[in-house]
Amino acid sequence: MCLGGTFLCTGLIEQLGLMETGGVVRVGFMHYNTTDEIDALCLALDEIIT
């Protein structure tokens, strides 16, 4: 079984029915991220999910 996109949480991902769609996206922000980078990520995610 490929664990890509599951972050080793295969049980949860399977229960949520997300295994068939490729798993999930995990995002983390740190103090060095700019607001422009965060805005760009939010826009990209919005395009994907809508």
Protein backbone atom coordinates (compact mmCIF):
# COMPACT_ATOMS: atom_id res chain seq x y z
CA MET A 1 0.00 0.00 0.00
CA CYS A 2 1.31 3.44 -0.89
CA LEU A 3 1.30 5.86 2.03
CA GLY A 4 1.75 8.99 -0.10
CA GLY A 5 -0.76 11.68 0.83
CA THR A 6 -1.78 10.00 4.08
CA PHE A 7 0.97 11.15 6.47
CA LEU A 8 0.88 7.67 8.01
CA CYS A 9 -2.76 8.18 9.08
CA THR A 10 -4.19 5.56 6.74
CA GLY A 11 -6.95 4.51 9.15
CA LEU A 12 -8.33 8.03 9.45
CA ILE A 13 -7.93 8.76 5.75
CA GLU A 14 -9.79 5.54 4.89
CA GLN A 15 -12.58 6.31 7.39
CA LEU A 16 -12.99 9.76 5.87
CA GLY A 17 -13.19 8.19 2.40
CA LEU A 18 -10.23 10.20 1.12
CA MET A 19 -7.96 7.33 0.09
CA GLU A 20 -9.66 7.08 -3.32
CA THR A 21 -9.02 10.75 -4.06
CA GLY A 22 -5.32 10.70 -3.18
CA GLY A 23 -5.22 11.56 0.50
CA VAL A 24 -4.95 14.99 2.04
CA VAL A 25 -2.79 18.10 1.91
CA ARG A 26 -0.83 19.14 4.97
CA VAL A 27 0.31 22.76 5.22
CA GLY A 28 2.41 24.42 7.86
CA PHE A 29 3.34 28.05 8.32
CA MET A 30 6.36 29.41 10.12
CA HIS A 31 7.61 32.84 11.06
CA TYR A 32 9.53 33.15 7.79
CA ASN A 33 6.48 32.76 5.55
CA THR A 34 5.33 36.01 4.01
CA THR A 35 1.74 37.13 3.74
CA ASP A 36 2.14 37.03 -0.06
CA GLU A 37 3.09 33.33 0.14
CA ILE A 38 0.11 32.60 2.37
CA ASP A 39 -2.24 34.50 0.06
CA ALA A 40 -0.87 32.60 -2.96
CA LEU A 41 -1.41 29.27 -1.22
CA CYS A 42 -4.96 30.20 -0.24
CA LEU A 43 -5.77 31.24 -3.80
CA ALA A 44 -4.32 28.01 -5.19
CA LEU A 45 -6.26 25.88 -2.71
CA ASP A 46 -9.44 27.80 -3.47
CA GLU A 47 -9.02 27.03 -7.17
CA ILE A 48 -8.54 23.35 -6.41
CA ILE A 49 -11.51 22.89 -4.10
CA THR A 50 -14.08 24.99 -5.94
